[in-house]
Amino acid sequence: MNLQKPGDNISINSEVTNITKLGFWILVNNNEYFVPFTDYPVFKKATIEQIIDFEMLSRNILSWKSLDCDIELVALGNPQQFPLLYK
């Protein structure tokens, strides 16, 4: 039997850690990101259940299917590089 080396660990730990009137914090693999409602207004009227109901589509993309919203982590980590706002 020919056994190959196992693949990379793609398990990603992520969770919403805090929600305020200005936005929410999300923790992804020990890195915390702030998602401001001013930049992502789709979340302003979302329920708590909708905000916490997300999945990682890849190592870099968060997805909220019920809100039809995807966000790349690089945009959250470096918002000055992405001046366009979600509409």
PDB file of N, CA and C in Angstrom:
ATOM      1  N   MET A   1       0.847  -1.173   0.000  1.00  0.00           N
ATOM      2  CA  MET A   1       0.000   0.000   0.000  1.00  0.00           C
ATOM      3  C   MET A   1       0.892   1.236   0.000  1.00  0.00           C
ATOM      4  N   ASN A   2       0.570   2.205  -0.822  1.00  0.00           N
ATOM      5  CA  ASN A   2       1.336   3.438  -0.954  1.00  0.00           C
ATOM      6  C   ASN A   2       0.652   4.542  -0.154  1.00  0.00           C
ATOM      7  N   LEU A   3       1.217   4.896   0.994  1.00  0.00           N
ATOM      8  CA  LEU A   3       0.630   5.949   1.823  1.00  0.00           C
ATOM      9  C   LEU A   3       1.334   7.262   1.543  1.00  0.00           C
ATOM     10  N   GLN A   4       0.551   8.293   1.344  1.00  0.00           N
ATOM     11  CA  GLN A   4       1.118   9.608   1.093  1.00  0.00           C
ATOM     12  C   GLN A   4       1.065  10.438   2.363  1.00  0.00           C
ATOM     13  N   LYS A   5       1.874  11.485   2.384  1.00  0.00           N
ATOM     14  CA  LYS A   5       1.877  12.412   3.503  1.00  0.00           C
ATOM     15  C   LYS A   5       0.493  13.058   3.615  1.00  0.00           C
ATOM     16  N   PRO A   6      -0.060  13.159   4.831  1.00  0.00           N
ATOM     17  CA  PRO A   6      -1.370  13.815   4.973  1.00  0.00           C
ATOM     18  C   PRO A   6      -1.299  15.269   4.533  1.00  0.00           C
ATOM     19  N   GLY A   7      -2.434  15.790   4.085  1.00  0.00           N
ATOM     20  CA  GLY A   7      -2.502  17.184   3.638  1.00  0.00           C
ATOM     21  C   GLY A   7      -2.398  18.164   4.788  1.00  0.00           C
ATOM     22  N   ASP A   8      -2.329  19.427   4.441  1.00  0.00           N
ATOM     23  CA  ASP A   8      -2.275  20.482   5.438  1.00  0.00           C
ATOM     24  C   ASP A   8      -3.570  20.527   6.235  1.00  0.00           C
ATOM     25  N   ASN A   9      -3.459  20.957   7.467  1.00  0.00           N
ATOM     26  CA  ASN A   9      -4.631  21.128   8.306  1.00  0.00           C
ATOM     27  C   ASN A   9      -5.385  22.370   7.829  1.00  0.00           C
ATOM     28  N   ILE A  10      -6.607  22.185   7.357  1.00  0.00           N
ATOM     29  CA  ILE A  10      -7.393  23.320   6.878  1.00  0.00           C
ATOM     30  C   ILE A  10      -8.493  23.698   7.867  1.00  0.00           C
ATOM     31  N   SER A  11      -8.449  23.093   9.040  1.00  0.00           N
ATOM     32  CA  SER A  11      -9.417  23.427  10.066  1.00  0.00           C
ATOM     33  C   SER A  11      -9.196  24.873  10.512  1.00  0.00           C
ATOM     34  N   ILE A  12     -10.254  25.648  10.490  1.00  0.00           N
ATOM     35  CA  ILE A  12     -10.151  27.057  10.842  1.00  0.00           C
ATOM     36  C   ILE A  12     -11.086  27.330  12.016  1.00  0.00           C
ATOM     37  N   ASN A  13     -10.525  27.828  13.102  1.00  0.00           N
ATOM     38  CA  ASN A  13     -11.323  28.186  14.261  1.00  0.00           C
ATOM     39  C   ASN A  13     -11.819  29.616  14.072  1.00  0.00           C
ATOM     40  N   SER A  14     -13.121  29.805  14.147  1.00  0.00           N
ATOM     41  CA  SER A  14     -13.673  31.144  13.968  1.00  0.00           C
ATOM     42  C   SER A  14     -14.964  31.283  14.756  1.00  0.00           C
ATOM     43  N   GLU A  15     -15.168  32.504  15.274  1.00  0.00           N
ATOM     44  CA  GLU A  15     -16.392  32.796  16.009  1.00  0.00           C
ATOM     45  C   GLU A  15     -16.559  34.305  16.163  1.00  0.00           C
ATOM     46  N   VAL A  16     -17.799  34.726  16.294  1.00  0.00           N
ATOM     47  CA  VAL A  16     -18.096  36.119  16.635  1.00  0.00           C
ATOM     48  C   VAL A  16     -17.895  36.236  18.131  1.00  0.00           C
ATOM     49  N   THR A  17     -17.081  37.213  18.550  1.00  0.00           N
ATOM     50  CA  THR A  17     -16.762  37.333  19.977  1.00  0.00           C
ATOM     51  C   THR A  17     -17.505  38.450  20.680  1.00  0.00           C
ATOM     52  N   ASN A  18     -17.971  39.463  19.925  1.00  0.00           N
ATOM     53  CA  ASN A  18     -18.664  40.583  20.559  1.00  0.00           C
ATOM     54  C   ASN A  18     -19.461  41.337  19.504  1.00  0.00           C
ATOM     55  N   ILE A  19     -20.644  41.803  19.890  1.00  0.00           N
ATOM     56  CA  ILE A  19     -21.473  42.625  19.009  1.00  0.00           C
ATOM     57  C   ILE A  19     -21.812  43.898  19.764  1.00  0.00           C
ATOM     58  N   THR A  20     -21.572  45.053  19.134  1.00  0.00           N
ATOM     59  CA  THR A  20     -21.896  46.342  19.733  1.00  0.00           C
ATOM     60  C   THR A  20     -22.796  47.116  18.782  1.00  0.00           C
ATOM     61  N   LYS A  21     -23.171  48.320  19.153  1.00  0.00           N
ATOM     62  CA  LYS A  21     -24.005  49.129  18.275  1.00  0.00           C
ATOM     63  C   LYS A  21     -23.221  49.650  17.069  1.00  0.00           C
ATOM     64  N   LEU A  22     -21.896  49.550  17.100  1.00  0.00           N
ATOM     65  CA  LEU A  22     -21.054  50.024  15.993  1.00  0.00           C
ATOM     66  C   LEU A  22     -20.628  48.927  15.028  1.00  0.00           C
ATOM     67  N   GLY A  23     -20.713  47.675  15.470  1.00  0.00           N
ATOM     68  CA  GLY A  23     -20.300  46.558  14.634  1.00  0.00           C
ATOM     69  C   GLY A  23     -20.041  45.331  15.472  1.00  0.00           C
ATOM     70  N   PHE A  24     -19.281  44.409  14.930  1.00  0.00           N
ATOM     71  CA  PHE A  24     -18.981  43.198  15.695  1.00  0.00           C
ATOM     72  C   PHE A  24     -17.544  42.755  15.451  1.00  0.00           C
ATOM     73  N   TRP A  25     -17.049  41.993  16.412  1.00  0.00           N
ATOM     74  CA  TRP A  25     -15.708  41.435  16.368  1.00  0.00           C
ATOM     75  C   TRP A  25     -15.809  39.961  16.022  1.00  0.00           C
ATOM     76  N   ILE A  26     -14.887  39.536  15.151  1.00  0.00           N
ATOM     77  CA  ILE A  26     -14.856  38.126  14.770  1.00  0.00           C
ATOM     78  C   ILE A  26     -13.430  37.610  14.940  1.00  0.00           C
ATOM     79  N   LEU A  27     -13.297  36.457  15.556  1.00  0.00           N
ATOM     80  CA  LEU A  27     -12.002  35.847  15.818  1.00  0.00           C
ATOM     81  C   LEU A  27     -11.792  34.712  14.818  1.00  0.00           C
ATOM     82  N   VAL A  28     -10.684  34.774  14.066  1.00  0.00           N
ATOM     83  CA  VAL A  28     -10.353  33.734  13.095  1.00  0.00           C
ATOM     84  C   VAL A  28      -8.909  33.320  13.335  1.00  0.00           C
ATOM     85  N   ASN A  29      -8.730  32.085  13.792  1.00  0.00           N
ATOM     86  CA  ASN A  29      -7.385  31.557  14.070  1.00  0.00           C
ATOM     87  C   ASN A  29      -6.518  32.533  14.863  1.00  0.00           C
ATOM     88  N   ASN A  30      -7.028  32.976  15.989  1.00  0.00           N
ATOM     89  CA  ASN A  30      -6.320  33.860  16.919  1.00  0.00           C
ATOM     90  C   ASN A  30      -6.078  35.270  16.397  1.00  0.00           C
ATOM     91  N   ASN A  31      -6.711  35.659  15.316  1.00  0.00           N
ATOM     92  CA  ASN A  31      -6.668  37.037  14.818  1.00  0.00           C
ATOM     93  C   ASN A  31      -8.077  37.611  14.924  1.00  0.00           C
ATOM     94  N   GLU A  32      -8.190  38.769  15.556  1.00  0.00           N
ATOM     95  CA  GLU A  32      -9.504  39.374  15.736  1.00  0.00           C
ATOM     96  C   GLU A  32      -9.687  40.524  14.746  1.00  0.00           C
ATOM     97  N   TYR A  33     -10.862  40.565  14.124  1.00  0.00           N
ATOM     98  CA  TYR A  33     -11.192  41.570  13.124  1.00  0.00           C
ATOM     99  C   TYR A  33     -12.477  42.274  13.544  1.00  0.00           C
ATOM    100  N   PHE A  34     -12.556  43.580  13.245  1.00  0.00           N
ATOM    101  CA  PHE A  34     -13.766  44.351  13.518  1.00  0.00           C
ATOM    102  C   PHE A  34     -14.522  44.558  12.213  1.00  0.00           C
ATOM    103  N   VAL A  35     -15.821  44.298  12.239  1.00  0.00           N
ATOM    104  CA  VAL A  35     -16.689  44.499  11.081  1.00  0.00           C
ATOM    105  C   VAL A  35     -17.629  45.657  11.425  1.00  0.00           C
ATOM    106  N   PRO A  36     -17.300  46.872  10.956  1.00  0.00           N
ATOM    107  CA  PRO A  36     -18.135  48.037  11.296  1.00  0.00           C
ATOM    108  C   PRO A  36     -19.411  48.076  10.465  1.00  0.00           C
ATOM    109  N   PHE A  37     -20.510  48.411  11.118  1.00  0.00           N
ATOM    110  CA  PHE A  37     -21.790  48.504  10.408  1.00  0.00           C
ATOM    111  C   PHE A  37     -21.780  49.615   9.363  1.00  0.00           C
ATOM    112  N   THR A  38     -20.954  50.653   9.564  1.00  0.00           N
ATOM    113  CA  THR A  38     -20.901  51.731   8.572  1.00  0.00           C
ATOM    114  C   THR A  38     -20.327  51.234   7.245  1.00  0.00           C
ATOM    115  N   ASP A  39     -19.389  50.309   7.297  1.00  0.00           N
ATOM    116  CA  ASP A  39     -18.794  49.762   6.080  1.00  0.00           C
ATOM    117  C   ASP A  39     -19.565  48.566   5.527  1.00  0.00           C
ATOM    118  N   TYR A  40     -20.274  47.872   6.385  1.00  0.00           N
ATOM    119  CA  TYR A  40     -21.040  46.680   5.990  1.00  0.00           C
ATOM    120  C   TYR A  40     -22.470  46.805   6.523  1.00  0.00           C
ATOM    121  N   PRO A  41     -23.271  47.675   5.920  1.00  0.00           N
ATOM    122  CA  PRO A  41     -24.610  47.959   6.446  1.00  0.00           C
ATOM    123  C   PRO A  41     -25.574  46.775   6.418  1.00  0.00           C
ATOM    124  N   VAL A  42     -25.264  45.736   5.667  1.00  0.00           N
ATOM    125  CA  VAL A  42     -26.137  44.565   5.642  1.00  0.00           C
ATOM    126  C   VAL A  42     -26.272  43.958   7.039  1.00  0.00           C
ATOM    127  N   PHE A  43     -25.277  44.160   7.890  1.00  0.00           N
ATOM    128  CA  PHE A  43     -25.318  43.600   9.238  1.00  0.00           C
ATOM    129  C   PHE A  43     -26.072  44.471  10.237  1.00  0.00           C
ATOM    130  N   LYS A  44     -26.296  45.730   9.915  1.00  0.00           N
ATOM    131  CA  LYS A  44     -26.914  46.675  10.865  1.00  0.00           C
ATOM    132  C   LYS A  44     -28.286  46.201  11.328  1.00  0.00           C
ATOM    133  N   LYS A  45     -29.091  45.672  10.412  1.00  0.00           N
ATOM    134  CA  LYS A  45     -30.440  45.211  10.775  1.00  0.00           C
ATOM    135  C   LYS A  45     -30.528  43.691  10.901  1.00  0.00           C
ATOM    136  N   ALA A  46     -29.376  43.029  10.830  1.00  0.00           N
ATOM    137  CA  ALA A  46     -29.359  41.570  10.964  1.00  0.00           C
ATOM    138  C   ALA A  46     -29.593  41.176  12.419  1.00  0.00           C
ATOM    139  N   THR A  47     -30.156  40.014  12.610  1.00  0.00           N
ATOM    140  CA  THR A  47     -30.337  39.490  13.963  1.00  0.00           C
ATOM    141  C   THR A  47     -29.007  38.931  14.463  1.00  0.00           C
ATOM    142  N   ILE A  48     -28.926  38.728  15.753  1.00  0.00           N
ATOM    143  CA  ILE A  48     -27.731  38.108  16.330  1.00  0.00           C
ATOM    144  C   ILE A  48     -27.523  36.734  15.702  1.00  0.00           C
ATOM    145  N   GLU A  49     -28.589  35.990  15.536  1.00  0.00           N
ATOM    146  CA  GLU A  49     -28.489  34.661  14.947  1.00  0.00           C
ATOM    147  C   GLU A  49     -27.912  34.718  13.539  1.00  0.00           C
ATOM    148  N   GLN A  50     -28.306  35.722  12.765  1.00  0.00           N
ATOM    149  CA  GLN A  50     -27.773  35.858  11.409  1.00  0.00           C
ATOM    150  C   GLN A  50     -26.289  36.237  11.432  1.00  0.00           C
ATOM    151  N   ILE A  51     -25.901  37.089  12.343  1.00  0.00           N
ATOM    152  CA  ILE A  51     -24.496  37.513  12.415  1.00  0.00           C
ATOM    153  C   ILE A  51     -23.596  36.350  12.826  1.00  0.00           C
ATOM    154  N   ILE A  52     -24.016  35.545  13.764  1.00  0.00           N
ATOM    155  CA  ILE A  52     -23.163  34.444  14.222  1.00  0.00           C
ATOM    156  C   ILE A  52     -23.226  33.223  13.310  1.00  0.00           C
ATOM    157  N   ASP A  53     -24.169  33.211  12.381  1.00  0.00           N
ATOM    158  CA  ASP A  53     -24.336  32.080  11.457  1.00  0.00           C
ATOM    159  C   ASP A  53     -23.525  32.322  10.180  1.00  0.00           C
ATOM    160  N   PHE A  54     -22.231  32.063  10.253  1.00  0.00           N
ATOM    161  CA  PHE A  54     -21.355  32.243   9.097  1.00  0.00           C
ATOM    162  C   PHE A  54     -20.477  31.015   8.947  1.00  0.00           C
ATOM    163  N   GLU A  55     -19.818  30.930   7.818  1.00  0.00           N
ATOM    164  CA  GLU A  55     -18.870  29.849   7.593  1.00  0.00           C
ATOM    165  C   GLU A  55     -17.664  30.380   6.846  1.00  0.00           C
ATOM    166  N   MET A  56     -16.593  29.652   6.933  1.00  0.00           N
ATOM    167  CA  MET A  56     -15.376  29.974   6.191  1.00  0.00           C
ATOM    168  C   MET A  56     -15.455  29.240   4.857  1.00  0.00           C
ATOM    169  N   LEU A  57     -15.468  30.002   3.751  1.00  0.00           N
ATOM    170  CA  LEU A  57     -15.472  29.375   2.429  1.00  0.00           C
ATOM    171  C   LEU A  57     -14.074  28.912   2.052  1.00  0.00           C
ATOM    172  N   SER A  58     -13.081  29.584   2.594  1.00  0.00           N
ATOM    173  CA  SER A  58     -11.673  29.223   2.415  1.00  0.00           C
ATOM    174  C   SER A  58     -10.919  29.801   3.608  1.00  0.00           C
ATOM    175  N   ARG A  59      -9.617  29.771   3.563  1.00  0.00           N
ATOM    176  CA  ARG A  59      -8.836  30.347   4.658  1.00  0.00           C
ATOM    177  C   ARG A  59      -9.001  31.856   4.744  1.00  0.00           C
ATOM    178  N   ASN A  60      -9.519  32.474   3.680  1.00  0.00           N
ATOM    179  CA  ASN A  60      -9.565  33.929   3.614  1.00  0.00           C
ATOM    180  C   ASN A  60     -10.945  34.536   3.415  1.00  0.00           C
ATOM    181  N   ILE A  61     -11.971  33.717   3.279  1.00  0.00           N
ATOM    182  CA  ILE A  61     -13.287  34.265   2.958  1.00  0.00           C
ATOM    183  C   ILE A  61     -14.332  33.812   3.972  1.00  0.00           C
ATOM    184  N   LEU A  62     -15.005  34.805   4.579  1.00  0.00           N
ATOM    185  CA  LEU A  62     -16.132  34.568   5.481  1.00  0.00           C
ATOM    186  C   LEU A  62     -17.417  34.701   4.674  1.00  0.00           C
ATOM    187  N   SER A  63     -18.399  33.861   4.972  1.00  0.00           N
ATOM    188  CA  SER A  63     -19.646  33.911   4.220  1.00  0.00           C
ATOM    189  C   SER A  63     -20.857  33.816   5.148  1.00  0.00           C
ATOM    190  N   TRP A  64     -21.791  34.740   4.954  1.00  0.00           N
ATOM    191  CA  TRP A  64     -23.078  34.736   5.644  1.00  0.00           C
ATOM    192  C   TRP A  64     -24.132  34.457   4.590  1.00  0.00           C
ATOM    193  N   LYS A  65     -24.499  33.189   4.415  1.00  0.00           N
ATOM    194  CA  LYS A  65     -25.431  32.814   3.347  1.00  0.00           C
ATOM    195  C   LYS A  65     -26.799  33.443   3.531  1.00  0.00           C
ATOM    196  N   SER A  66     -27.299  33.499   4.753  1.00  0.00           N
ATOM    197  CA  SER A  66     -28.642  34.052   4.971  1.00  0.00           C
ATOM    198  C   SER A  66     -28.700  35.543   4.665  1.00  0.00           C
ATOM    199  N   LEU A  67     -27.549  36.219   4.688  1.00  0.00           N
ATOM    200  CA  LEU A  67     -27.485  37.648   4.387  1.00  0.00           C
ATOM    201  C   LEU A  67     -26.915  37.917   2.992  1.00  0.00           C
ATOM    202  N   ASP A  68     -26.547  36.856   2.286  1.00  0.00           N
ATOM    203  CA  ASP A  68     -25.939  36.959   0.954  1.00  0.00           C
ATOM    204  C   ASP A  68     -24.735  37.896   0.985  1.00  0.00           C
ATOM    205  N   CYS A  69     -23.815  37.636   1.920  1.00  0.00           N
ATOM    206  CA  CYS A  69     -22.660  38.511   2.125  1.00  0.00           C
ATOM    207  C   CYS A  69     -21.405  37.671   2.326  1.00  0.00           C
ATOM    208  N   ASP A  70     -20.356  38.018   1.589  1.00  0.00           N
ATOM    209  CA  ASP A  70     -19.040  37.415   1.756  1.00  0.00           C
ATOM    210  C   ASP A  70     -18.037  38.531   2.015  1.00  0.00           C
ATOM    211  N   ILE A  71     -17.067  38.273   2.895  1.00  0.00           N
ATOM    212  CA  ILE A  71     -16.026  39.257   3.194  1.00  0.00           C
ATOM    213  C   ILE A  71     -14.680  38.546   3.201  1.00  0.00           C
ATOM    214  N   GLU A  72     -13.705  39.137   2.541  1.00  0.00           N
ATOM    215  CA  GLU A  72     -12.343  38.607   2.578  1.00  0.00           C
ATOM    216  C   GLU A  72     -11.627  39.157   3.810  1.00  0.00           C
ATOM    217  N   LEU A  73     -10.878  38.310   4.474  1.00  0.00           N
ATOM    218  CA  LEU A  73     -10.163  38.728   5.675  1.00  0.00           C
ATOM    219  C   LEU A  73      -9.165  39.843   5.387  1.00  0.00           C
ATOM    220  N   VAL A  74      -8.563  39.838   4.223  1.00  0.00           N
ATOM    221  CA  VAL A  74      -7.604  40.893   3.892  1.00  0.00           C
ATOM    222  C   VAL A  74      -8.292  42.261   3.883  1.00  0.00           C
ATOM    223  N   ALA A  75      -9.558  42.318   3.508  1.00  0.00           N
ATOM    224  CA  ALA A  75     -10.299  43.587   3.529  1.00  0.00           C
ATOM    225  C   ALA A  75     -10.557  44.048   4.957  1.00  0.00           C
ATOM    226  N   LEU A  76     -10.767  43.115   5.863  1.00  0.00           N
ATOM    227  CA  LEU A  76     -10.973  43.479   7.268  1.00  0.00           C
ATOM    228  C   LEU A  76      -9.657  43.853   7.935  1.00  0.00           C
ATOM    229  N   GLY A  77      -8.587  43.188   7.553  1.00  0.00           N
ATOM    230  CA  GLY A  77      -7.289  43.458   8.153  1.00  0.00           C
ATOM    231  C   GLY A  77      -6.626  44.725   7.632  1.00  0.00           C
ATOM    232  N   ASN A  78      -6.980  45.126   6.411  1.00  0.00           N
ATOM    233  CA  ASN A  78      -6.377  46.311   5.778  1.00  0.00           C
ATOM    234  C   ASN A  78      -7.450  47.123   5.070  1.00  0.00           C
ATOM    235  N   PRO A  79      -8.402  47.688   5.795  1.00  0.00           N
ATOM    236  CA  PRO A  79      -9.528  48.370   5.143  1.00  0.00           C
ATOM    237  C   PRO A  79      -9.111  49.573   4.298  1.00  0.00           C
ATOM    238  N   GLN A  80      -7.981  50.208   4.609  1.00  0.00           N
ATOM    239  CA  GLN A  80      -7.529  51.356   3.829  1.00  0.00           C
ATOM    240  C   GLN A  80      -7.174  50.956   2.395  1.00  0.00           C
ATOM    241  N   GLN A  81      -6.894  49.703   2.162  1.00  0.00           N
ATOM    242  CA  GLN A  81      -6.562  49.220   0.813  1.00  0.00           C
ATOM    243  C   GLN A  81      -7.815  48.906  -0.003  1.00  0.00           C
ATOM    244  N   PHE A  82      -8.980  48.924   0.637  1.00  0.00           N
ATOM    245  CA  PHE A  82     -10.236  48.573  -0.011  1.00  0.00           C
ATOM    246  C   PHE A  82     -11.271  49.652   0.266  1.00  0.00           C
ATOM    247  N   PRO A  83     -11.168  50.786  -0.427  1.00  0.00           N
ATOM    248  CA  PRO A  83     -12.042  51.915  -0.121  1.00  0.00           C
ATOM    249  C   PRO A  83     -13.507  51.742  -0.524  1.00  0.00           C
ATOM    250  N   LEU A  84     -13.802  50.772  -1.385  1.00  0.00           N
ATOM    251  CA  LEU A  84     -15.192  50.574  -1.770  1.00  0.00           C
ATOM    252  C   LEU A  84     -15.972  49.963  -0.623  1.00  0.00           C
ATOM    253  N   LEU A  85     -17.170  50.403  -0.422  1.00  0.00           N
ATOM    254  CA  LEU A  85     -18.002  49.908   0.658  1.00  0.00           C
ATOM    255  C   LEU A  85     -18.996  48.900   0.130  1.00  0.00           C
ATOM    256  N   TYR A  86     -19.387  47.962   0.993  1.00  0.00           N
ATOM    257  CA  TYR A  86     -20.413  46.984   0.660  1.00  0.00           C
ATOM    258  C   TYR A  86     -21.746  47.694   0.526  1.00  0.00           C
ATOM    259  N   LYS A  87     -22.486  47.396  -0.503  1.00  0.00           N
ATOM    260  CA  LYS A  87     -23.819  47.990  -0.709  1.00  0.00           C
ATOM    261  C   LYS A  87     -24.859  46.909  -0.741  1.00  0.00           C
TER     262      LYS A  87
END
